[in-house]
Amino acid sequence: MNTRHSRQSFLGNNSEATLASRTVGIIGLCGGGSHVSQQLAHVGVGNLLVSDFDTVDETNLNRMIGSRPKDAEDSTPKTVVIDRMIREINPNITVTKLDGRWLEHEVALQSCDLIVGCVDSYSERDSLERFCRHHKIPYVDIGMDVHKTSAGFSISGQVIVSAPGQICMRCLGFITNEKLAKEQENYGAAGGKPQVVWPNGVLASAAVGQLMALLLPWSLDIKPSALIEYDGNRQTLCHSSKLEYLKHKECKHF
């Protein structure tokens, strides 16, 4: 193991080579996706497919890791910003930029060992999970939201691992036909959702931890959790209480 990764040698004698040989897709590159890209570059994943259809604007600068004011001025594609950031961290990583909608790059994404989704809508999550299940690719999904309450505002979020043969987002009740229908009815009416950098960072770190547990179980008691819930007001991450009731459930959806 070279000096660069010597501090993570506890992950296993072959961990450096294992990570260097793996391919991870990251869908959505602003809030959560930029954090995930940064961490995977530091940890040494060798091949990253980064996908986003959008360009940087002024509203992205409060949370998109690696973005600069000039990127907003120039409307730089988000894939270009993330590619630049990754290469500045670790020039040995192979970065493939997938501009446009991820559905336009299904063939390339089939090569992934894992896919991380950092998207906003239920419909996009549903499509990503279906794609990953069809191709037997573990899928890690992250998301956050801000709700108005009587006391002010509440920040919440989740990290979901949807792996072949395990329970899915529909089993968890996170994706339902009712939610998809309601979202479709309100399409385009919701406007920009509240987003800040630190919840994205917390959730991205938890997602990378889940991903690493899938690739490199460094302890016998390491098992990725299907659902981690985040309370941004209390600054806590915990395994969802739903999992106790679902521990013997077989997925009927895939």
Protein backbone atom coordinates (compact mmCIF):
# COMPACT_ATOMS: atom_id res chain seq x y z
CA MET A 1 0.00 0.00 0.00
CA ASN A 2 1.42 3.39 -0.94
CA THR A 3 1.85 6.23 1.52
CA ARG A 4 -1.20 8.08 0.24
CA HIS A 5 -3.60 5.45 1.54
CA SER A 6 -1.54 4.07 4.43
CA ARG A 7 -3.88 5.57 7.05
CA GLN A 8 -6.76 3.44 5.75
CA SER A 9 -4.84 0.18 5.76
CA PHE A 10 -7.29 -1.20 8.36
CA LEU A 11 -9.71 -1.65 5.44
CA GLY A 12 -7.67 -4.67 4.36
CA ASN A 13 -4.34 -5.61 2.81
CA ASN A 14 -5.83 -5.53 -0.69
CA SER A 15 -8.16 -2.60 -0.10
CA GLU A 16 -6.16 -0.16 -2.19
CA ALA A 17 -6.16 -2.47 -5.23
CA THR A 18 -9.80 -3.39 -4.67
CA LEU A 19 -10.93 0.23 -4.61
CA ALA A 20 -8.74 1.14 -7.59
CA SER A 21 -10.42 -1.60 -9.63
CA ARG A 22 -13.99 -0.55 -8.79
CA THR A 23 -16.36 1.61 -10.83
CA VAL A 24 -18.93 3.81 -9.10
CA GLY A 25 -21.59 5.92 -10.79
CA ILE A 26 -22.75 9.17 -9.19
CA ILE A 27 -26.05 10.57 -10.44
CA GLY A 28 -26.65 14.20 -9.51
CA LEU A 29 -23.59 16.30 -8.77
CA CYS A 30 -24.65 19.35 -6.81
CA GLY A 31 -25.31 19.10 -3.06
CA GLY A 32 -24.83 15.48 -2.07
CA GLY A 33 -23.18 14.29 -5.27
CA SER A 34 -20.30 16.75 -5.04
CA HIS A 35 -19.49 15.55 -1.51
CA VAL A 36 -19.68 11.89 -2.58
CA SER A 37 -17.37 12.56 -5.55
CA GLN A 38 -14.85 14.33 -3.35
CA GLN A 39 -14.76 11.54 -0.76
CA LEU A 40 -14.49 8.73 -3.30
CA ALA A 41 -11.60 10.56 -4.94
CA HIS A 42 -9.80 10.81 -1.60
CA VAL A 43 -10.45 7.18 -0.66
CA GLY A 44 -9.13 5.90 -3.99
CA VAL A 45 -12.00 4.49 -6.05
CA GLY A 46 -10.38 4.07 -9.45
CA ASN A 47 -13.22 4.73 -11.87
CA LEU A 48 -15.97 7.29 -11.42
CA LEU A 49 -18.87 7.93 -13.80
CA VAL A 50 -20.32 11.35 -12.98
CA SER A 51 -23.70 12.29 -14.39
CA ASP A 52 -25.65 15.55 -14.44
CA PHE A 53 -27.64 17.41 -17.08
CA ASP A 54 -27.25 20.86 -15.53
CA THR A 55 -24.81 23.76 -15.41
CA VAL A 56 -23.63 25.72 -12.36
CA ASP A 57 -25.61 28.80 -11.37
CA GLU A 58 -25.38 31.24 -8.49
CA THR A 59 -27.76 29.25 -6.28
CA ASN A 60 -25.46 26.20 -6.41
CA LEU A 61 -22.46 27.96 -4.87
CA ASN A 62 -23.71 27.60 -1.28
CA ARG A 63 -23.39 23.80 -1.36
CA MET A 64 -21.65 22.40 -4.46
CA ILE A 65 -18.19 21.28 -3.41
CA GLY A 66 -15.58 22.30 -5.98
CA SER A 67 -17.67 25.05 -7.57
CA ARG A 68 -16.34 28.57 -8.00
CA PRO A 69 -18.02 31.92 -8.69
CA LYS A 70 -16.63 31.89 -12.22
CA ASP A 71 -18.35 28.54 -12.84
CA ALA A 72 -21.68 30.26 -12.21
CA GLU A 73 -20.68 33.20 -14.42
CA ASP A 74 -19.70 30.85 -17.25
CA SER A 75 -22.56 28.35 -16.73
CA THR A 76 -19.98 25.57 -16.50
CA PRO A 77 -21.44 22.05 -16.77
CA LYS A 78 -21.52 20.38 -13.37
CA THR A 79 -19.76 17.35 -14.79
CA VAL A 80 -16.80 19.57 -15.75
CA VAL A 81 -16.59 21.04 -12.23
CA ILE A 82 -16.63 17.61 -10.59
CA ASP A 83 -14.14 16.19 -13.09
CA ARG A 84 -11.78 19.07 -12.30
CA MET A 85 -12.16 18.58 -8.55
CA ILE A 86 -11.52 14.83 -8.73
CA ARG A 87 -8.43 15.22 -10.89
CA GLU A 88 -7.03 17.87 -8.54
CA ILE A 89 -7.43 15.41 -5.64
CA ASN A 90 -6.23 12.27 -7.42
CA PRO A 91 -5.05 12.47 -11.05
CA ASN A 92 -4.86 8.67 -11.26
CA ILE A 93 -8.64 8.28 -11.19
CA THR A 94 -10.45 7.63 -14.47
CA VAL A 95 -13.39 10.03 -14.71
CA THR A 96 -16.12 9.60 -17.29
CA LYS A 97 -18.42 12.60 -17.69
CA LEU A 98 -22.00 11.71 -18.56
CA ASP A 99 -23.65 14.95 -19.63
CA GLY A 100 -27.40 15.04 -20.07
CA ARG A 101 -29.94 12.78 -18.41
CA TRP A 102 -28.55 9.58 -16.93
CA LEU A 103 -31.06 7.56 -18.98
CA GLU A 104 -29.09 8.58 -22.06
CA HIS A 105 -26.08 6.67 -20.68
CA GLU A 106 -27.61 3.36 -19.60
CA VAL A 107 -24.98 1.29 -21.42
CA ALA A 108 -22.10 3.08 -19.68
CA LEU A 109 -23.79 2.82 -16.27
CA GLN A 110 -24.21 -0.93 -16.63
CA SER A 111 -20.45 -1.20 -16.01
CA CYS A 112 -20.79 0.18 -12.47
CA ASP A 113 -20.20 -1.93 -9.39
CA LEU A 114 -22.33 0.51 -7.40
CA ILE A 115 -24.43 3.57 -8.16
CA VAL A 116 -25.10 6.50 -5.82
CA GLY A 117 -28.20 8.59 -6.49
CA CYS A 118 -28.31 12.21 -5.34
CA VAL A 119 -31.49 13.28 -7.12
CA ASP A 120 -34.48 15.34 -6.04
CA SER A 121 -37.62 13.54 -7.16
CA TYR A 122 -39.35 10.29 -6.25
CA SER A 123 -39.82 9.46 -9.93
CA GLU A 124 -36.09 9.78 -10.60
CA ARG A 125 -35.30 7.59 -7.60
CA ASP A 126 -37.85 5.05 -8.74
CA SER A 127 -36.29 4.90 -12.23
CA LEU A 128 -32.77 4.61 -10.84
CA GLU A 129 -33.71 1.81 -8.48
CA ARG A 130 -35.49 -0.07 -11.28
CA PHE A 131 -32.43 0.29 -13.51
CA CYS A 132 -30.07 -0.92 -10.77
CA ARG A 133 -32.28 -3.85 -9.81
CA HIS A 134 -32.58 -4.92 -13.44
CA HIS A 135 -28.79 -4.98 -13.79
CA LYS A 136 -28.17 -6.32 -10.25
CA ILE A 137 -26.22 -3.21 -9.19
CA PRO A 138 -26.41 -2.10 -5.52
CA TYR A 139 -27.97 1.36 -5.31
CA VAL A 140 -27.33 3.92 -2.55
CA ASP A 141 -29.77 6.82 -2.41
CA ILE A 142 -29.45 10.01 -0.38
CA GLY A 143 -31.77 12.95 0.10
CA MET A 144 -32.68 15.75 2.46
CA ASP A 145 -35.62 18.06 2.99
CA VAL A 146 -36.59 21.09 5.05
CA HIS A 147 -40.09 21.36 6.51
CA LYS A 148 -41.77 24.29 8.22
CA THR A 149 -42.92 23.50 11.76
CA SER A 150 -44.57 25.39 14.61
CA ALA A 151 -41.09 25.91 16.10
CA GLY A 152 -39.47 27.11 12.85
CA PHE A 153 -37.96 24.63 10.41
CA SER A 154 -36.99 20.97 10.57
CA ILE A 155 -34.13 19.43 8.55
CA SER A 156 -34.40 15.72 7.82
CA GLY A 157 -32.92 13.22 5.42
CA GLN A 158 -32.14 9.59 4.72
CA VAL A 159 -29.63 7.18 3.24
CA ILE A 160 -31.12 4.07 1.63
CA VAL A 161 -29.28 0.98 0.41
CA SER A 162 -31.24 -1.00 -2.17
CA ALA A 163 -29.28 -4.15 -2.93
CA PRO A 164 -30.23 -7.14 -5.09
CA GLY A 165 -32.15 -9.72 -3.05
CA GLN A 166 -32.86 -7.25 -0.23
CA ILE A 167 -35.79 -4.97 0.56
CA CYS A 168 -36.31 -2.01 -1.76
CA MET A 169 -37.53 1.57 -1.43
CA ARG A 170 -41.11 0.41 -1.94
CA CYS A 171 -40.74 -2.14 0.86
CA LEU A 172 -39.60 0.72 3.08
CA GLY A 173 -42.60 2.85 2.09
CA PHE A 174 -40.28 5.53 0.75
CA ILE A 175 -41.55 5.10 -2.82
CA THR A 176 -45.31 4.63 -3.27
CA ASN A 177 -47.66 5.02 -6.22
CA GLU A 178 -49.44 7.75 -4.26
CA LYS A 179 -46.25 9.77 -3.82
CA LEU A 180 -45.39 9.38 -7.49
CA ALA A 181 -48.87 10.50 -8.56
CA LYS A 182 -48.87 13.48 -6.23
CA GLU A 183 -45.44 14.53 -7.44
CA GLN A 184 -46.60 14.29 -11.05
CA GLU A 185 -49.64 16.47 -10.30
CA ASN A 186 -47.43 19.17 -8.77
CA TYR A 187 -44.64 18.87 -11.36
CA GLY A 188 -42.98 22.23 -11.93
CA ALA A 189 -44.98 23.98 -9.20
CA ALA A 190 -42.73 23.36 -6.19
CA GLY A 191 -39.82 25.62 -7.17
CA GLY A 192 -36.32 25.26 -5.78
CA LYS A 193 -36.11 23.22 -2.58
CA PRO A 194 -34.20 24.57 0.45
CA GLN A 195 -30.63 23.21 0.49
CA VAL A 196 -27.58 23.87 2.65
CA VAL A 197 -24.14 22.35 2.65
CA TRP A 198 -23.81 20.61 6.03
CA PRO A 199 -26.78 18.17 5.85
CA ASN A 200 -25.61 17.18 2.38
CA GLY A 201 -22.14 16.56 3.81
CA VAL A 202 -23.45 14.43 6.69
CA LEU A 203 -25.66 12.33 4.42
CA ALA A 204 -22.95 11.96 1.77
CA SER A 205 -20.47 10.77 4.39
CA ALA A 206 -22.98 8.20 5.64
CA ALA A 207 -23.61 7.08 2.06
CA VAL A 208 -19.89 6.66 1.40
CA GLY A 209 -19.65 4.65 4.62
CA GLN A 210 -22.42 2.38 3.36
CA LEU A 211 -20.71 2.06 0.00
CA MET A 212 -17.39 1.17 1.63
CA ALA A 213 -19.12 -1.46 3.75
CA LEU A 214 -20.45 -3.03 0.55
CA LEU A 215 -17.00 -3.04 -1.06
CA LEU A 216 -14.70 -3.62 1.91
CA PRO A 217 -16.29 -5.07 5.04
CA TRP A 218 -13.47 -4.29 7.47
CA SER A 219 -15.14 -5.97 10.45
CA LEU A 220 -17.32 -9.04 10.94
CA ASP A 221 -20.10 -6.91 12.41
CA ILE A 222 -20.27 -4.51 9.44
CA LYS A 223 -23.54 -4.73 7.54
CA PRO A 224 -24.99 -1.88 5.46
CA SER A 225 -28.28 -0.60 6.81
CA ALA A 226 -31.24 -0.49 4.41
CA LEU A 227 -32.36 2.85 5.91
CA ILE A 228 -30.48 5.43 7.95
CA GLU A 229 -32.52 8.43 9.07
CA TYR A 230 -31.06 11.88 9.70
CA ASP A 231 -32.44 14.47 12.11
CA GLY A 232 -30.73 17.71 11.17
CA ASN A 233 -32.08 19.64 14.13
CA ARG A 234 -30.70 17.19 16.68
CA GLN A 235 -27.68 16.28 14.50
CA THR A 236 -28.31 12.54 14.71
CA LEU A 237 -28.06 9.59 12.36
CA CYS A 238 -29.76 6.33 13.32
CA HIS A 239 -30.96 3.07 11.82
CA SER A 240 -34.66 3.40 11.11
CA SER A 241 -37.07 1.77 13.56
CA LYS A 242 -38.89 0.40 10.49
CA LEU A 243 -36.09 -2.12 9.99
CA GLU A 244 -37.09 -4.16 13.04
CA TYR A 245 -40.49 -4.86 11.48
CA LEU A 246 -39.00 -5.54 8.05
CA LYS A 247 -36.08 -7.78 9.03
CA HIS A 248 -37.80 -10.94 7.78
CA LYS A 249 -39.57 -9.33 4.83
CA GLU A 250 -38.86 -10.58 1.32
CA CYS A 251 -39.05 -8.01 -1.46
CA LYS A 252 -42.02 -8.70 -3.73
CA HIS A 253 -41.39 -5.75 -6.05
CA PHE A 254 -38.25 -6.98 -7.82
